[in-house]
Protein backbone atom coordinates (compact mmCIF):
# COMPACT_ATOMS: atom_id res chain seq x y z
CA UNK A 1 0.00 0.00 0.00
CA UNK A 2 1.38 3.34 -0.99
CA UNK A 3 0.64 6.36 1.14
CA UNK A 4 1.47 9.97 0.56
CA UNK A 5 1.29 12.79 3.05
CA UNK A 6 1.21 16.43 2.20
CA UNK A 7 1.69 19.12 4.81
CA UNK A 8 1.36 22.85 4.51
CA UNK A 9 4.09 24.73 6.33
CA UNK A 10 3.67 28.19 7.69
CA UNK A 11 7.20 29.50 8.12
CA UNK A 12 7.99 32.75 9.88
CA UNK A 13 9.91 35.58 8.20
CA UNK A 14 13.30 34.29 9.34
CA UNK A 15 12.61 30.82 7.93
CA UNK A 16 11.37 32.31 4.66
CA UNK A 17 14.60 34.30 4.35
CA UNK A 18 16.65 31.15 5.04
CA UNK A 19 14.78 29.08 2.46
CA UNK A 20 15.09 31.82 -0.16
CA UNK A 21 18.85 32.06 0.57
CA UNK A 22 19.19 28.31 0.13
CA UNK A 23 17.28 28.42 -3.16
CA UNK A 24 19.51 31.22 -4.43
CA UNK A 25 22.68 29.34 -3.45
CA UNK A 26 21.41 26.14 -5.07
CA UNK A 27 20.56 28.07 -8.24
CA UNK A 28 24.09 29.47 -8.35
CA UNK A 29 25.52 26.00 -7.74
CA UNK A 30 23.41 24.51 -10.55
CA UNK A 31 24.40 27.22 -13.01
CA UNK A 32 28.10 27.00 -12.09
CA UNK A 33 28.24 23.20 -12.43
CA UNK A 34 26.36 23.35 -15.72
CA UNK A 35 28.78 26.03 -16.91
CA UNK A 36 31.73 23.79 -16.00
CA UNK A 37 30.37 21.04 -18.20
CA UNK A 38 29.61 23.39 -21.10
CA UNK A 39 33.09 24.94 -20.98
CA UNK A 40 34.64 21.47 -21.03
CA UNK A 41 32.43 20.54 -23.99
CA UNK A 42 33.41 23.67 -25.94
CA UNK A 43 37.15 23.31 -25.21
CA UNK A 44 37.43 19.61 -26.03
CA UNK A 45 35.27 19.11 -29.07
CA UNK A 46 36.63 19.31 -32.56
CA UNK A 47 35.07 18.07 -35.81
CA UNK A 48 36.84 14.98 -37.10
CA UNK A 49 37.20 16.34 -40.62
CA UNK A 50 38.54 19.73 -39.48
CA UNK A 51 41.38 18.90 -37.11
CA UNK A 52 43.98 21.71 -37.03
CA UNK A 53 47.25 20.74 -38.71
CA UNK A 54 49.30 23.85 -37.97
CA UNK A 55 49.12 23.77 -34.19
CA UNK A 56 49.54 20.97 -31.69
CA UNK A 57 46.49 19.40 -30.14
CA UNK A 58 46.17 20.64 -26.55
CA UNK A 59 46.02 18.27 -23.62
CA UNK A 60 42.45 17.30 -22.85
CA UNK A 61 41.00 18.38 -19.53
CA UNK A 62 39.34 15.85 -17.26
CA UNK A 63 35.61 15.76 -17.84
CA UNK A 64 33.68 17.29 -14.93
CA UNK A 65 31.51 14.29 -14.16
CA UNK A 66 29.13 13.64 -11.28
CA UNK A 67 31.77 12.32 -8.88
CA UNK A 68 34.41 14.98 -9.54
CA UNK A 69 31.83 17.71 -9.03
CA UNK A 70 30.69 16.07 -5.79
CA UNK A 71 34.33 15.97 -4.59
CA UNK A 72 34.64 19.65 -5.43
CA UNK A 73 31.81 20.53 -3.02
CA UNK A 74 34.38 20.48 -0.19
CA UNK A 75 36.34 23.25 -1.93
CA UNK A 76 33.14 25.19 -2.55
CA UNK A 77 32.24 25.07 1.13
CA UNK A 78 35.75 26.23 2.05
CA UNK A 79 35.71 29.17 -0.38
CA UNK A 80 32.11 30.19 0.25
CA UNK A 81 31.11 29.61 3.90
CA UNK A 82 27.42 30.29 3.22
CA UNK A 83 27.22 26.88 1.51
CA UNK A 84 27.92 25.28 4.90
CA UNK A 85 24.36 26.23 5.90
CA UNK A 86 22.93 23.84 3.30
CA UNK A 87 22.93 20.11 4.04
CA UNK A 88 25.46 18.20 1.93
CA UNK A 89 22.84 15.85 0.47
CA UNK A 90 20.90 18.83 -0.87
CA UNK A 91 24.01 20.10 -2.70
CA UNK A 92 24.68 16.60 -4.03
CA UNK A 93 21.11 16.42 -5.32
CA UNK A 94 21.69 19.70 -7.16
CA UNK A 95 24.72 18.14 -8.90
CA UNK A 96 22.66 15.05 -9.66
CA UNK A 97 20.09 17.23 -11.45
CA UNK A 98 22.92 18.78 -13.51
CA UNK A 99 24.12 15.29 -14.44
CA UNK A 100 20.64 14.18 -15.48
CA UNK A 101 20.05 17.32 -17.56
CA UNK A 102 23.43 16.99 -19.28
CA UNK A 103 22.94 13.26 -19.95
CA UNK A 104 19.50 13.89 -21.46
CA UNK A 105 21.11 16.31 -23.89
CA UNK A 106 23.28 13.56 -25.40
CA UNK A 107 21.00 10.56 -25.23
CA UNK A 108 17.92 10.18 -27.38
CA UNK A 109 14.55 9.14 -26.02
CA UNK A 110 12.77 5.95 -27.12
CA UNK A 111 11.56 7.64 -30.34
CA UNK A 112 15.07 8.73 -31.31
CA UNK A 113 14.55 12.43 -30.58
CA UNK A 114 17.23 14.29 -28.65
CA UNK A 115 16.26 16.84 -26.06
CA UNK A 116 17.51 20.40 -26.14
CA UNK A 117 20.55 21.88 -24.48
CA UNK A 118 20.13 22.37 -20.71
CA UNK A 119 19.58 25.97 -19.70
CA UNK A 120 20.65 27.99 -16.72
CA UNK A 121 18.09 28.60 -14.00
CA UNK A 122 16.90 32.05 -13.09
CA UNK A 123 15.95 33.03 -9.55
CA UNK A 124 12.24 32.37 -10.07
CA UNK A 125 12.69 28.95 -11.71
CA UNK A 126 14.42 26.86 -9.06
CA UNK A 127 11.90 25.88 -6.43
CA UNK A 128 12.88 22.45 -5.08
CA UNK A 129 15.04 21.43 -2.13
CA UNK A 130 15.32 17.62 -1.84
CA UNK A 131 16.39 15.79 1.30
CA UNK A 132 17.28 12.13 0.70
CA UNK A 133 17.47 10.21 3.97
CA UNK A 134 17.75 6.49 4.70
CA UNK A 135 14.30 5.18 3.82
CA UNK A 136 12.35 8.39 3.38
CA UNK A 137 12.97 11.17 0.90
CA UNK A 138 11.49 14.61 1.42
CA UNK A 139 11.01 17.12 -1.34
CA UNK A 140 10.40 20.71 -0.33
CA UNK A 141 8.65 22.46 -3.18
CA UNK A 142 8.24 26.19 -2.93
CA UNK A 143 4.97 26.86 -4.65
CA UNK A 144 4.93 30.58 -4.17
CA UNK A 145 7.39 32.63 -2.16
CA UNK A 146 5.27 35.76 -2.26
CA UNK A 147 2.38 34.17 -0.37
CA UNK A 148 4.72 31.97 1.70
CA UNK A 149 3.08 28.64 0.97
CA UNK A 150 5.33 25.61 1.03
CA UNK A 151 4.69 21.90 0.65
CA UNK A 152 6.48 18.73 1.67
CA UNK A 153 6.04 15.46 -0.22
CA UNK A 154 7.51 12.18 0.87
């Protein structure tokens, strides 16, 4: 039997400010990690029939994959202390969403159609904070920050 519970939170002004700060930091993290992957893609791709003959081929950079970006979260938290406020699993989930978006760009669906290039998020677009715990996963969806209504799904 599958059960789902939905609760309506009524946060105070301080909690609203904290959640909005977290959403902004996660948006920046998403855009930065996506930018890392796009810069690697632009630097390391070259058409096979148009390889430059007059200059040496540069050394290829390591691809910023899911695990290397997760390892880099430690450096991010050292450089930017405000990221220490966010739980590590939430930041890892943000990187997981980048990985899924980037993988969908290269792989075709069952009909053979490829999806479009992933886009950067703006401040009003990112509205999910996911907590993945042992047996239960919580997803905090911000439905509307102006009216301060939040929902939790498990």
